[in-house]
N, C-alpha and C. Protein backbone atom coordinates (compact mmCIF):
# COMPACT_ATOMS: atom_id res chain seq x y z
N MET A 1 -39.00 141.49 103.31
CA MET A 1 -39.40 140.25 104.30
C MET A 1 -39.49 139.30 103.20
N ASN A 2 -40.57 139.07 101.91
CA ASN A 2 -40.50 138.25 101.13
C ASN A 2 -39.12 138.23 100.74
N GLU A 3 -38.04 138.68 101.27
CA GLU A 3 -36.45 137.79 100.08
C GLU A 3 -35.94 137.22 101.00
N ASN A 4 -36.37 137.52 102.31
CA ASN A 4 -35.63 136.65 103.96
C ASN A 4 -36.90 135.12 103.44
N VAL A 5 -38.13 135.10 103.43
CA VAL A 5 -38.67 134.54 103.56
C VAL A 5 -38.45 133.15 102.73
N ILE A 6 -37.88 133.34 101.07
CA ILE A 6 -36.84 132.33 100.26
C ILE A 6 -36.40 132.04 100.10
N LYS A 7 -35.25 133.36 101.22
CA LYS A 7 -34.13 132.35 100.94
C LYS A 7 -33.73 131.80 102.02
N GLN A 8 -34.57 131.83 103.79
CA GLN A 8 -34.75 130.70 104.41
C GLN A 8 -35.26 129.51 103.85
N LYS A 9 -36.59 129.80 102.88
CA LYS A 9 -36.61 128.43 102.62
C LYS A 9 -35.94 127.94 101.41
N ASN A 10 -35.04 128.64 101.01
CA ASN A 10 -33.74 127.54 100.25
C ASN A 10 -32.92 127.08 101.14
N VAL A 11 -32.42 127.60 101.96
CA VAL A 11 -31.05 127.13 102.50
C VAL A 11 -32.25 125.73 103.25
N TRP A 12 -33.76 125.89 104.14
CA TRP A 12 -33.81 124.76 104.25
C TRP A 12 -34.14 123.32 103.08
N GLN A 13 -34.48 123.88 101.87
CA GLN A 13 -34.67 123.44 100.77
C GLN A 13 -32.78 122.53 100.77
N SER A 14 -32.07 123.27 100.80
CA SER A 14 -30.76 122.95 100.19
C SER A 14 -30.27 121.49 101.85
N ILE A 15 -30.82 122.02 103.37
CA ILE A 15 -30.27 121.26 103.93
C ILE A 15 -30.82 120.14 103.79
N LYS A 16 -32.55 120.01 103.50
CA LYS A 16 -32.76 118.81 103.00
C LYS A 16 -32.40 117.70 102.24
N LYS A 17 -32.20 118.62 101.07
CA LYS A 17 -31.19 118.06 100.08
C LYS A 17 -30.43 117.40 100.79
N PHE A 18 -29.40 118.01 101.47
CA PHE A 18 -28.00 116.96 101.75
C PHE A 18 -28.23 116.17 102.42
N LEU A 19 -29.27 116.18 103.61
CA LEU A 19 -29.60 114.92 104.57
C LEU A 19 -30.30 114.03 103.42
N LYS A 20 -30.76 114.14 102.39
CA LYS A 20 -31.49 112.78 101.85
C LYS A 20 -30.11 112.38 101.13
N PHE A 21 -29.54 112.99 100.73
CA PHE A 21 -28.23 112.65 100.10
C PHE A 21 -27.25 112.11 100.91
N PHE A 22 -27.04 112.40 102.36
CA PHE A 22 -26.57 111.63 103.10
C PHE A 22 -27.12 110.40 103.58
N LYS A 23 -28.32 110.07 103.79
CA LYS A 23 -29.14 109.45 104.14
C LYS A 23 -29.09 108.12 103.02
N GLU A 24 -28.81 108.94 102.11
CA GLU A 24 -28.87 107.68 100.47
C GLU A 24 -27.53 106.70 100.32
N GLU A 25 -26.46 107.46 100.42
CA GLU A 25 -25.23 107.48 99.64
C GLU A 25 -23.99 106.81 101.31
N PHE A 26 -24.80 107.51 102.48
CA PHE A 26 -23.58 107.27 103.30
C PHE A 26 -23.73 106.01 104.52
N ILE A 27 -25.39 105.93 103.97
CA ILE A 27 -26.48 105.01 105.74
C ILE A 27 -27.06 103.97 104.30
N THR A 28 -27.75 104.33 103.49
CA THR A 28 -29.14 103.36 102.81
C THR A 28 -28.10 102.30 102.05
N TYR A 29 -27.47 103.02 101.23
CA TYR A 29 -27.01 102.21 100.23
C TYR A 29 -25.31 101.10 100.71
N PRO A 30 -24.43 101.68 101.18
CA PRO A 30 -23.46 101.25 102.42
C PRO A 30 -24.85 99.47 102.64
N LEU A 31 -25.97 100.04 103.65
CA LEU A 31 -26.18 98.79 104.08
C LEU A 31 -27.01 97.98 103.21
N PHE A 32 -27.50 98.58 101.99
CA PHE A 32 -28.01 97.38 101.32
C PHE A 32 -27.25 96.66 100.70
N ILE A 33 -25.12 97.00 100.62
CA ILE A 33 -24.59 96.11 100.28
C ILE A 33 -24.01 95.17 101.04
N MET A 34 -24.14 95.68 102.50
CA MET A 34 -23.67 94.48 103.49
C MET A 34 -24.67 93.64 103.77
N PHE A 35 -26.12 94.03 103.59
CA PHE A 35 -27.16 93.04 103.81
C PHE A 35 -27.09 92.18 102.03
N HIS A 36 -27.01 92.60 100.97
CA HIS A 36 -26.87 92.18 99.69
C HIS A 36 -26.09 91.92 99.29
N PRO A 37 -24.79 92.04 99.27
CA PRO A 37 -23.18 92.18 98.80
C PRO A 37 -22.93 91.85 97.29
N LEU A 38 -23.72 90.61 96.99
CA LEU A 38 -23.60 90.08 95.69
C LEU A 38 -24.83 91.27 94.73
N LYS A 39 -25.42 91.51 94.80
CA LYS A 39 -26.46 92.28 94.25
C LYS A 39 -25.89 93.64 94.61
N GLY A 40 -25.68 94.17 95.67
CA GLY A 40 -25.17 95.99 95.95
C GLY A 40 -23.76 95.83 95.05
N PHE A 41 -23.09 95.08 95.20
CA PHE A 41 -21.90 95.24 93.97
C PHE A 41 -21.91 95.11 93.07
N ASP A 42 -23.28 94.60 92.36
CA ASP A 42 -23.14 94.41 90.87
C ASP A 42 -23.56 95.73 90.50
N TYR A 43 -24.57 96.23 91.57
CA TYR A 43 -24.96 97.75 91.29
C TYR A 43 -24.22 98.67 91.35
N PHE A 44 -23.33 98.44 91.97
CA PHE A 44 -21.55 99.13 92.23
C PHE A 44 -20.97 98.92 90.86
N LYS A 45 -20.72 98.22 90.02
CA LYS A 45 -20.15 97.55 89.02
C LYS A 45 -20.65 98.59 87.70
N ARG A 46 -21.74 97.73 87.40
CA ARG A 46 -22.53 97.79 86.05
C ARG A 46 -23.32 99.22 86.33
N GLU A 47 -24.08 99.77 87.10
CA GLU A 47 -25.04 100.98 87.05
C GLU A 47 -23.86 101.79 87.54
N ASN A 48 -22.51 101.96 87.76
CA ASN A 48 -21.39 102.79 88.37
C ASN A 48 -22.33 103.59 89.48
N ARG A 49 -23.03 102.87 90.24
CA ARG A 49 -23.64 103.33 91.91
C ARG A 49 -22.89 103.58 92.14
N ALA A 50 -21.38 103.91 92.63
CA ALA A 50 -20.67 104.24 93.89
C ALA A 50 -19.89 105.42 93.17
N ARG A 51 -19.93 106.51 94.05
CA ARG A 51 -19.30 107.87 94.05
C ARG A 51 -17.53 107.37 94.28
N MET A 52 -17.00 108.22 93.91
CA MET A 52 -15.67 108.52 94.47
C MET A 52 -15.38 109.62 95.71
N ASP A 53 -16.65 110.57 95.40
CA ASP A 53 -16.18 111.52 96.95
C ASP A 53 -17.35 110.83 98.31
N VAL A 54 -18.06 109.65 98.24
CA VAL A 54 -18.34 108.54 99.28
C VAL A 54 -17.30 108.09 99.80
N ALA A 55 -17.04 107.66 98.88
CA ALA A 55 -15.56 106.59 98.96
C ALA A 55 -14.53 107.34 99.82
N ILE A 56 -14.10 108.26 99.60
CA ILE A 56 -12.95 108.87 100.17
C ILE A 56 -13.28 109.62 101.62
N CYS A 57 -14.50 109.86 101.42
CA CYS A 57 -15.57 110.31 103.14
C CYS A 57 -15.46 109.30 104.04
N PHE A 58 -16.04 108.03 103.80
CA PHE A 58 -15.51 106.88 104.39
C PHE A 58 -13.93 107.09 104.92
N ILE A 59 -12.88 106.92 104.01
CA ILE A 59 -11.62 107.17 104.62
C ILE A 59 -11.76 107.80 105.67
N VAL A 60 -12.17 109.59 105.62
CA VAL A 60 -11.82 110.49 106.46
C VAL A 60 -12.71 110.65 107.60
N PHE A 61 -13.95 109.85 107.47
CA PHE A 61 -14.43 109.57 109.06
C PHE A 61 -13.68 108.29 109.27
N LEU A 62 -12.92 107.24 109.03
CA LEU A 62 -12.40 106.67 109.86
C LEU A 62 -11.17 106.63 110.48
N ILE A 63 -10.28 108.05 109.81
CA ILE A 63 -8.74 108.48 110.26
C ILE A 63 -9.30 109.39 111.27
N PHE A 64 -10.84 110.25 110.92
CA PHE A 64 -10.79 111.23 112.24
C PHE A 64 -11.57 110.55 113.53
N LEU A 65 -12.32 109.10 113.63
CA LEU A 65 -12.73 107.79 114.22
C LEU A 65 -11.76 107.37 115.36
N ARG A 66 -9.88 107.43 114.22
CA ARG A 66 -8.84 106.76 114.76
C ARG A 66 -8.29 107.90 115.72
N ILE A 67 -8.74 109.39 115.42
CA ILE A 67 -7.64 110.48 116.02
C ILE A 67 -8.84 110.88 117.54
N LEU A 68 -9.96 110.83 117.35
CA LEU A 68 -10.85 110.39 118.81
C LEU A 68 -10.79 109.62 119.62
N GLU A 69 -10.63 108.59 118.89
CA GLU A 69 -9.95 107.56 120.67
C GLU A 69 -8.80 107.43 120.73
N PHE A 70 -8.05 108.51 120.71
CA PHE A 70 -6.63 109.04 121.47
C PHE A 70 -7.25 109.80 122.39
N GLN A 71 -8.17 110.86 122.36
CA GLN A 71 -8.27 111.62 123.27
C GLN A 71 -9.83 111.20 123.74
N TYR A 72 -10.86 110.62 123.67
CA TYR A 72 -11.96 110.12 124.27
C TYR A 72 -12.42 108.45 124.63
N SER A 73 -11.66 107.87 124.05
CA SER A 73 -11.49 106.46 124.65
C SER A 73 -11.60 106.15 126.04
N GLY A 74 -12.10 105.56 126.46
CA GLY A 74 -12.15 105.02 128.40
C GLY A 74 -10.91 104.74 128.63
N PHE A 75 -10.58 105.00 129.52
CA PHE A 75 -9.32 104.70 130.07
C PHE A 75 -9.15 103.32 130.12
N VAL A 76 -10.08 102.48 130.86
CA VAL A 76 -9.92 100.94 130.48
C VAL A 76 -9.49 100.24 129.09
N ILE A 77 -9.76 101.21 128.07
CA ILE A 77 -9.34 101.01 126.99
C ILE A 77 -8.55 101.64 126.22
N ASN A 78 -8.18 103.28 126.21
CA ASN A 78 -7.16 103.48 125.63
C ASN A 78 -6.18 103.50 126.52
N GLN A 79 -5.21 103.00 126.64
CA GLN A 79 -3.31 102.62 127.33
C GLN A 79 -2.60 103.55 126.65
N VAL A 80 -2.80 104.45 125.64
CA VAL A 80 -2.26 105.19 125.46
C VAL A 80 -2.36 106.67 125.61
N SER A 81 -1.32 107.61 125.71
CA SER A 81 -1.56 109.08 126.10
C SER A 81 -1.68 109.78 125.24
N VAL A 82 -2.46 111.02 125.09
CA VAL A 82 -2.48 111.95 124.36
C VAL A 82 -1.51 112.29 123.49
N THR A 83 -0.69 112.77 124.54
CA THR A 83 0.63 113.06 123.70
C THR A 83 1.87 112.20 122.90
N GLU A 84 0.92 111.50 122.58
CA GLU A 84 1.59 109.95 121.92
C GLU A 84 1.28 110.84 120.84
N LEU A 85 -0.04 111.10 120.16
CA LEU A 85 -0.78 111.19 119.36
C LEU A 85 -0.17 111.94 117.52
N ASN A 86 0.34 110.99 116.69
CA ASN A 86 0.82 111.63 115.58
C ASN A 86 -0.25 111.21 114.33
N SER A 87 -0.76 112.78 114.05
CA SER A 87 -2.04 112.91 112.85
C SER A 87 -1.49 112.33 111.63
N LEU A 88 -0.28 112.47 111.37
CA LEU A 88 0.19 111.41 109.99
C LEU A 88 0.36 110.65 109.98
N SER A 89 0.98 109.90 111.60
CA SER A 89 1.16 108.84 111.47
C SER A 89 -0.36 107.28 111.60
N GLU A 90 -1.74 108.59 112.04
CA GLU A 90 -2.72 107.85 111.88
C GLU A 90 -3.43 107.75 110.23
N ILE A 91 -3.59 108.86 109.65
CA ILE A 91 -3.70 108.75 108.51
C ILE A 91 -2.72 108.03 107.92
N ALA A 92 -1.64 107.68 107.40
CA ALA A 92 -0.76 106.68 106.73
C ALA A 92 -1.39 105.35 107.40
N MET A 93 -1.84 105.01 108.54
CA MET A 93 -1.85 103.80 108.98
C MET A 93 -3.38 103.27 108.24
N VAL A 94 -4.36 104.13 107.95
CA VAL A 94 -5.54 104.16 107.62
C VAL A 94 -4.90 103.41 105.68
N LEU A 95 -4.31 105.03 104.97
CA LEU A 95 -4.10 104.73 103.92
C LEU A 95 -3.66 104.09 102.89
N SER A 96 -2.20 103.77 104.07
CA SER A 96 -1.61 102.37 103.56
C SER A 96 -2.05 101.20 103.37
N PRO A 97 -2.83 100.99 104.10
CA PRO A 97 -3.19 99.50 103.82
C PRO A 97 -3.88 99.66 102.13
N ILE A 98 -4.85 100.52 102.57
CA ILE A 98 -5.96 100.37 101.41
C ILE A 98 -5.16 100.57 100.30
N ILE A 99 -4.55 101.57 99.89
CA ILE A 99 -3.40 101.78 98.52
C ILE A 99 -2.89 100.60 98.24
N ILE A 100 -2.18 99.64 99.67
CA ILE A 100 -1.45 98.80 98.92
C ILE A 100 -2.40 97.50 98.80
N ILE A 101 -3.01 97.35 99.24
CA ILE A 101 -4.10 96.17 98.98
C ILE A 101 -4.78 96.55 97.67
N THR A 102 -5.35 97.62 97.41
CA THR A 102 -5.63 98.18 95.69
C THR A 102 -4.80 97.71 94.67
N VAL A 103 -3.57 97.84 94.81
CA VAL A 103 -2.18 98.15 94.16
C VAL A 103 -2.15 96.58 93.48
N ALA A 104 -1.68 96.19 94.85
CA ALA A 104 -1.56 94.13 94.95
C ALA A 104 -3.26 93.38 94.68
N ASN A 105 -4.13 93.72 94.75
CA ASN A 105 -5.06 93.29 94.01
C ASN A 105 -5.41 93.06 92.58
N TRP A 106 -5.21 94.34 92.36
CA TRP A 106 -5.16 94.83 90.98
C TRP A 106 -4.17 94.38 90.27
N SER A 107 -2.60 94.33 90.53
CA SER A 107 -1.90 93.59 89.87
C SER A 107 -2.06 91.98 89.60
N ILE A 108 -2.60 91.63 90.69
CA ILE A 108 -2.34 89.74 90.75
C ILE A 108 -3.87 90.07 89.95
N THR A 109 -4.99 90.41 89.75
CA THR A 109 -6.29 90.04 89.22
C THR A 109 -5.86 90.41 87.78
N THR A 110 -5.48 91.06 86.89
CA THR A 110 -5.02 91.62 85.77
C THR A 110 -4.06 90.09 85.20
N LEU A 111 -3.49 89.39 85.66
CA LEU A 111 -3.01 88.35 85.27
C LEU A 111 -4.06 87.32 85.47
N PHE A 112 -4.95 87.05 85.99
CA PHE A 112 -5.59 85.98 86.62
C PHE A 112 -7.55 86.76 85.18
N ASP A 113 -7.22 87.42 84.72
CA ASP A 113 -8.64 88.32 83.93
C ASP A 113 -9.23 88.82 84.51
N GLY A 114 -9.31 89.52 85.86
CA GLY A 114 -10.23 90.00 86.47
C GLY A 114 -10.63 91.26 86.14
N LYS A 115 -11.67 91.12 86.28
CA LYS A 115 -12.94 92.50 85.43
C LYS A 115 -12.89 93.77 85.98
N GLY A 116 -12.56 93.89 86.80
CA GLY A 116 -12.01 95.34 88.26
C GLY A 116 -10.80 96.15 87.62
N LYS A 117 -11.17 97.30 87.73
CA LYS A 117 -10.22 98.36 87.42
C LYS A 117 -10.06 98.94 88.65
N MET A 118 -8.63 99.58 88.80
CA MET A 118 -7.95 99.69 90.10
C MET A 118 -8.62 100.91 90.83
N LYS A 119 -9.72 102.02 89.94
CA LYS A 119 -10.34 102.41 90.91
C LYS A 119 -12.00 101.88 91.24
N GLU A 120 -12.09 100.63 91.03
CA GLU A 120 -13.43 100.05 91.30
C GLU A 120 -12.51 99.14 92.32
N ILE A 121 -11.59 98.96 92.65
CA ILE A 121 -11.11 98.06 93.85
C ILE A 121 -10.86 98.82 95.01
N PHE A 122 -10.35 100.24 94.71
CA PHE A 122 -10.33 101.39 95.52
C PHE A 122 -11.77 102.17 96.10
N MET A 123 -12.45 101.77 95.26
CA MET A 123 -14.06 102.42 95.74
C MET A 123 -14.20 101.49 96.92
N MET A 124 -14.20 100.13 96.00
CA MET A 124 -14.67 98.77 96.81
C MET A 124 -14.60 98.70 98.37
N ILE A 125 -12.69 98.94 98.30
CA ILE A 125 -12.79 98.76 99.78
C ILE A 125 -13.11 100.17 100.70
N CYS A 126 -13.25 100.87 100.05
CA CYS A 126 -13.40 102.29 101.37
C CYS A 126 -15.03 101.53 101.53
N TYR A 127 -15.96 101.19 100.97
CA TYR A 127 -17.15 101.21 101.29
C TYR A 127 -17.25 100.08 101.65
N SER A 128 -16.33 99.07 101.98
CA SER A 128 -16.31 97.98 103.07
C SER A 128 -15.89 98.63 104.08
N LEU A 129 -15.45 99.81 104.76
CA LEU A 129 -15.25 100.31 105.71
C LEU A 129 -16.30 100.75 106.28
N PHE A 130 -17.63 100.79 105.78
CA PHE A 130 -18.77 101.27 106.44
C PHE A 130 -19.30 100.50 108.22
N PRO A 131 -19.37 99.16 107.84
CA PRO A 131 -19.19 98.01 109.15
C PRO A 131 -18.13 98.75 110.27
N LEU A 132 -16.73 98.99 109.53
CA LEU A 132 -16.14 99.48 110.50
C LEU A 132 -16.11 100.48 111.63
N ILE A 133 -16.55 101.76 110.73
CA ILE A 133 -16.71 102.75 110.85
C ILE A 133 -17.89 102.79 112.26
N TRP A 134 -19.20 102.12 111.96
CA TRP A 134 -20.34 102.50 112.83
C TRP A 134 -19.38 101.50 114.32
N ALA A 135 -18.99 100.38 114.27
CA ALA A 135 -18.13 99.76 115.10
C ALA A 135 -18.04 100.63 116.31
N LYS A 136 -16.96 101.34 115.34
CA LYS A 136 -15.49 102.48 116.27
C LYS A 136 -17.00 103.48 117.04
N ILE A 137 -17.45 104.23 115.96
CA ILE A 137 -18.79 105.05 116.98
C ILE A 137 -18.79 104.43 117.99
N PHE A 138 -19.59 103.26 117.88
CA PHE A 138 -20.54 102.80 119.31
C PHE A 138 -19.34 102.59 119.54
N GLY A 139 -18.29 101.80 119.86
CA GLY A 139 -17.32 101.60 120.67
C GLY A 139 -17.04 102.95 121.28
N LEU A 140 -16.45 103.49 120.90
CA LEU A 140 -16.15 104.82 121.33
C LEU A 140 -16.56 105.60 122.38
N PHE A 141 -18.13 105.17 122.21
CA PHE A 141 -19.20 105.32 123.36
C PHE A 141 -19.35 104.10 124.42
N LEU A 142 -19.06 103.53 123.93
CA LEU A 142 -19.14 102.11 125.19
C LEU A 142 -18.00 102.35 126.01
N SER A 143 -16.72 102.44 125.08
CA SER A 143 -15.71 102.11 126.07
C SER A 143 -15.89 103.23 127.54
N ASN A 144 -16.30 104.04 127.70
CA ASN A 144 -16.97 105.32 128.34
C ASN A 144 -17.12 104.72 130.09
N VAL A 145 -18.16 103.55 129.13
CA VAL A 145 -19.53 102.85 130.15
C VAL A 145 -18.73 101.77 130.91
N VAL A 146 -17.73 101.34 130.30
CA VAL A 146 -17.49 99.88 130.37
C VAL A 146 -16.57 99.40 131.50
N SER A 147 -16.58 98.75 132.32
CA SER A 147 -15.72 98.32 133.06
C SER A 147 -14.69 97.85 132.86
N GLN A 148 -13.76 96.52 133.55
CA GLN A 148 -12.52 96.61 133.27
C GLN A 148 -13.18 94.84 133.04
N GLN A 149 -14.19 94.40 133.85
CA GLN A 149 -14.86 93.32 133.94
C GLN A 149 -15.55 92.85 132.16
N GLU A 150 -16.14 93.92 131.91
CA GLU A 150 -16.99 94.29 130.67
C GLU A 150 -16.13 94.66 129.45
N GLU A 151 -14.41 94.33 129.08
CA GLU A 151 -13.94 94.96 128.05
C GLU A 151 -14.03 94.46 127.08
N ALA A 152 -14.64 92.73 127.33
CA ALA A 152 -14.61 91.85 125.98
C ALA A 152 -15.71 92.51 125.11
N ILE A 153 -16.57 93.07 126.02
CA ILE A 153 -17.61 93.63 125.32
C ILE A 153 -17.46 94.50 123.96
N TYR A 154 -16.35 95.57 124.48
CA TYR A 154 -15.78 96.41 123.63
C TYR A 154 -15.60 95.63 121.98
N HIS A 155 -14.62 94.82 122.83
CA HIS A 155 -13.88 94.17 121.96
C HIS A 155 -14.64 93.20 120.67
N LEU A 156 -15.86 92.80 120.81
CA LEU A 156 -16.69 92.24 120.30
C LEU A 156 -17.03 92.83 119.38
N VAL A 157 -17.48 94.30 119.90
CA VAL A 157 -18.10 95.21 118.63
C VAL A 157 -17.14 95.24 117.57
N ILE A 158 -16.15 96.09 118.27
CA ILE A 158 -14.87 96.32 117.21
C ILE A 158 -14.55 95.27 116.10
N GLY A 159 -14.82 93.68 117.32
CA GLY A 159 -14.36 92.31 116.40
C GLY A 159 -14.95 92.10 114.81
N LEU A 160 -16.84 92.84 115.16
CA LEU A 160 -17.92 92.31 114.41
C LEU A 160 -17.67 93.22 113.48
N GLY A 161 -17.59 94.71 113.75
CA GLY A 161 -17.24 95.55 112.57
C GLY A 161 -16.36 94.93 111.76
N THR A 162 -14.90 94.82 112.59
CA THR A 162 -13.58 94.19 111.26
C THR A 162 -14.19 93.03 110.53
N PHE A 163 -14.78 91.93 111.13
CA PHE A 163 -15.68 90.71 110.53
C PHE A 163 -15.95 90.72 109.38
N LEU A 164 -17.53 91.63 109.53
CA LEU A 164 -17.91 92.53 108.33
C LEU A 164 -17.52 93.04 107.36
N MET A 165 -16.61 93.86 107.92
CA MET A 165 -15.90 94.91 106.90
C MET A 165 -14.93 93.46 105.79
N CYS A 166 -14.44 92.68 106.05
CA CYS A 166 -13.89 91.55 105.57
C CYS A 166 -14.68 91.14 104.67
N TYR A 167 -15.96 90.70 105.15
CA TYR A 167 -17.27 89.89 105.03
C TYR A 167 -17.78 90.63 103.32
N MET A 168 -17.86 92.25 103.69
CA MET A 168 -18.01 92.83 102.16
C MET A 168 -17.14 93.16 101.54
N ALA A 169 -15.93 93.40 101.97
CA ALA A 169 -14.60 93.17 100.70
C ALA A 169 -14.39 91.69 99.93
N PHE A 170 -14.63 90.66 100.44
CA PHE A 170 -14.66 89.66 100.01
C PHE A 170 -15.63 88.94 98.67
N PHE A 171 -16.82 89.85 99.18
CA PHE A 171 -17.78 89.32 98.01
C PHE A 171 -17.81 90.55 96.74
N GLY A 172 -17.33 91.50 97.40
CA GLY A 172 -17.11 92.63 97.05
C GLY A 172 -15.43 92.53 95.52
N PHE A 173 -15.14 91.92 95.90
CA PHE A 173 -13.95 90.97 94.88
C PHE A 173 -14.28 90.30 94.13
N ILE A 174 -15.17 89.39 94.16
CA ILE A 174 -16.04 88.49 93.62
C ILE A 174 -17.09 89.08 92.59
N SER A 175 -17.59 90.40 93.42
CA SER A 175 -18.43 90.90 92.19
C SER A 175 -17.48 91.70 91.01
N ILE A 176 -16.56 91.98 92.06
CA ILE A 176 -15.81 93.28 91.44
C ILE A 176 -14.90 92.49 90.00
N HIS A 177 -14.43 91.96 89.82
CA HIS A 177 -14.01 90.80 89.14
C HIS A 177 -14.21 90.28 88.53
N GLU A 178 -15.60 89.48 88.83
CA GLU A 178 -16.75 88.53 88.35
C GLU A 178 -15.80 86.86 88.29
N PHE A 179 -15.43 86.53 89.71
CA PHE A 179 -14.90 85.76 89.73
C PHE A 179 -15.52 84.57 90.73
N GLY A 180 -15.51 83.56 90.13
CA GLY A 180 -15.68 82.11 91.11
C GLY A 180 -15.55 82.22 92.37
N LEU A 181 -16.13 81.31 93.50
CA LEU A 181 -15.40 81.23 94.69
C LEU A 181 -14.08 81.06 95.01
N LEU A 182 -13.86 79.55 94.17
CA LEU A 182 -12.16 79.42 94.44
C LEU A 182 -11.43 80.57 93.58
N LYS A 183 -11.50 80.80 92.91
CA LYS A 183 -10.93 81.40 91.69
C LYS A 183 -10.50 83.29 92.96
N CYS A 184 -11.42 83.48 93.39
CA CYS A 184 -11.49 84.80 94.29
C CYS A 184 -10.30 84.34 95.54
N VAL A 185 -10.50 83.00 95.87
CA VAL A 185 -9.76 83.03 97.09
C VAL A 185 -8.52 82.62 96.58
N GLY A 186 -8.00 81.98 95.26
CA GLY A 186 -6.71 81.73 95.25
C GLY A 186 -5.81 83.16 94.77
N THR A 187 -7.14 84.00 94.36
CA THR A 187 -6.44 85.36 93.92
C THR A 187 -6.42 86.24 95.22
N LEU A 188 -6.90 86.08 96.15
CA LEU A 188 -6.45 87.03 97.47
C LEU A 188 -5.14 86.61 98.05
N ILE A 189 -5.33 84.98 97.94
CA ILE A 189 -4.09 84.48 98.16
C ILE A 189 -2.57 85.04 97.86
N ALA A 190 -2.74 85.32 96.47
CA ALA A 190 -1.81 85.68 95.84
C ALA A 190 -1.66 87.08 95.99
N THR A 191 -2.75 87.79 96.26
CA THR A 191 -2.91 89.15 96.51
C THR A 191 -2.26 89.41 98.02
N ALA A 192 -2.33 88.57 98.85
CA ALA A 192 -1.61 88.64 100.52
C ALA A 192 -0.28 88.29 100.05
N VAL A 193 0.62 87.41 99.45
CA VAL A 193 2.36 87.39 98.65
C VAL A 193 2.18 88.76 98.06
N ALA A 194 1.64 89.03 97.40
CA ALA A 194 1.85 90.01 96.90
C ALA A 194 1.96 91.54 97.52
N ILE A 195 0.88 91.39 98.44
CA ILE A 195 1.51 92.42 99.35
C ILE A 195 2.48 92.57 100.50
N LEU A 196 2.77 91.06 100.57
CA LEU A 196 4.59 91.06 102.00
C LEU A 196 5.55 91.40 100.85
N ILE A 197 5.41 91.71 99.59
CA ILE A 197 6.58 91.64 98.12
C ILE A 197 6.63 93.09 98.17
N ILE A 198 5.28 93.93 98.21
CA ILE A 198 5.50 95.15 98.01
C ILE A 198 5.91 95.46 99.26
N CYS A 199 5.17 95.49 100.89
CA CYS A 199 5.75 95.96 101.56
C CYS A 199 7.54 95.77 101.92
N PHE A 200 7.81 94.17 101.19
CA PHE A 200 9.48 94.46 101.79
C PHE A 200 10.29 95.77 100.82
N ILE A 201 9.85 95.56 99.36
CA ILE A 201 10.51 96.76 99.00
C ILE A 201 10.27 97.74 99.36
N GLY A 202 9.31 97.87 99.24
CA GLY A 202 8.96 99.57 100.69
C GLY A 202 10.29 99.57 101.64
N ILE A 203 10.13 98.56 102.50
CA ILE A 203 10.79 98.98 103.82
C ILE A 203 12.65 99.12 103.56
N LEU A 204 13.06 98.43 102.22
CA LEU A 204 14.44 98.52 101.45
C LEU A 204 14.62 99.71 100.81
N CYS A 205 13.40 100.17 100.19
CA CYS A 205 13.63 101.60 99.77
C CYS A 205 13.37 102.71 101.07
N PHE A 206 13.04 102.50 102.28
CA PHE A 206 12.86 103.77 102.66
C PHE A 206 14.37 103.21 103.93
N ASP A 207 14.60 102.44 104.12
CA ASP A 207 15.90 102.38 104.82
C ASP A 207 17.30 102.85 103.72
N LEU A 208 17.15 102.37 102.30
CA LEU A 208 18.29 103.18 101.28
C LEU A 208 18.14 104.60 101.20
N PHE A 209 16.59 105.20 101.74
CA PHE A 209 16.89 106.45 101.64
C PHE A 209 17.21 107.44 102.81
N GLN A 210 16.78 106.25 104.12
CA GLN A 210 17.48 107.05 105.14
C GLN A 210 19.09 106.60 105.11
N LYS A 211 19.56 105.90 104.87
CA LYS A 211 20.94 105.82 104.56
C LYS A 211 21.37 107.12 103.57
N MET A 212 20.37 107.20 102.66
CA MET A 212 21.08 108.26 101.40
C MET A 212 21.08 109.56 102.35
N THR A 213 20.07 110.14 102.99
CA THR A 213 19.68 111.12 103.58
C THR A 213 21.21 111.38 104.66
N GLY A 214 21.33 110.11 105.33
CA GLY A 214 22.81 110.19 106.52
C GLY A 214 23.89 110.85 105.73
N PHE A 215 23.88 109.99 104.39
CA PHE A 215 25.56 110.26 104.25
C PHE A 215 24.94 111.59 103.09
N ILE A 216 24.35 112.42 102.77
CA ILE A 216 24.02 113.47 102.88
C ILE A 216 24.34 114.69 103.34
N TYR A 217 23.50 114.21 104.51
CA TYR A 217 24.14 115.16 105.28
C TYR A 217 25.41 115.11 106.31
N THR A 218 26.38 113.72 106.59
CA THR A 218 27.13 113.97 107.26
C THR A 218 28.39 114.51 105.98
N ILE A 219 28.08 114.88 105.01
CA ILE A 219 28.93 115.71 103.65
C ILE A 219 28.71 116.80 104.22
N TYR A 220 27.30 117.54 104.30
CA TYR A 220 27.46 118.81 104.67
C TYR A 220 27.45 119.10 105.92
N ARG A 221 27.87 118.34 107.34
CA ARG A 221 28.48 118.64 108.23
C ARG A 221 29.99 118.95 108.16
N GLU A 222 30.11 117.83 107.27
CA GLU A 222 31.80 118.01 107.26
C GLU A 222 32.43 119.39 106.02
N ILE A 223 31.54 119.26 105.40
CA ILE A 223 31.92 121.02 104.52
C ILE A 223 31.95 122.08 105.62
N SER A 224 30.35 122.00 106.02
CA SER A 224 30.30 122.87 107.02
C SER A 224 31.03 123.23 108.12
N LEU A 225 31.95 122.41 108.57
CA LEU A 225 32.72 122.39 109.63
C LEU A 225 34.34 122.62 108.90
N ARG A 226 34.03 122.38 107.82
CA ARG A 226 35.93 122.73 107.06
C ARG A 226 35.92 124.46 106.70
N TYR A 227 34.86 124.79 105.76
CA TYR A 227 34.69 125.82 104.87
C TYR A 227 34.31 127.15 105.50
N LEU A 228 33.13 126.91 106.49
CA LEU A 228 32.05 127.46 106.76
C LEU A 228 32.39 128.31 108.40
């Protein structure tokens, strides 16, 4: 009996410890960054306050929410059939912009003496997803109760979450790289150009890959028809 009581106490202590960790790392600290971005990202960089596992969880949350939107968004908002859902496409739609922005910003800021490392840039962008995640959670419930005339409320919520995400990311770039306002704006413009170049090269590589696979498949069919 005593052993069962001890086990139950250990389980409850583990649950309380996890809930405390979740509240501190997934809610309290991201909220602190949102309301005090410069100070929050200063702790982020100088005191190694950020955690990679938390950053990755934010990406997973956003992917999961995008998938849920396909099935559970209200018919007023959701005009896409569930049968069109492609999980790999949803994962790519979230991961690709984060990775491309990270690589593009790091490649530009190294030329302008930016202090941020690629890992820090990646985690900063992931933490900036916090308001968008909560906006999508609220929007998912809201989409099932709004009428067609009230659809603008849903878009207002998602727009606010997107704005706050960009707001956090902007101050994150300033703090991570230790730039002034004008220098940060200049590097962000250069980052946008770098993103376009990366996307252009990616499209060329994808097109080349398709042509190569098509060529190899054509050779395979010729050989199989002639000799097999």
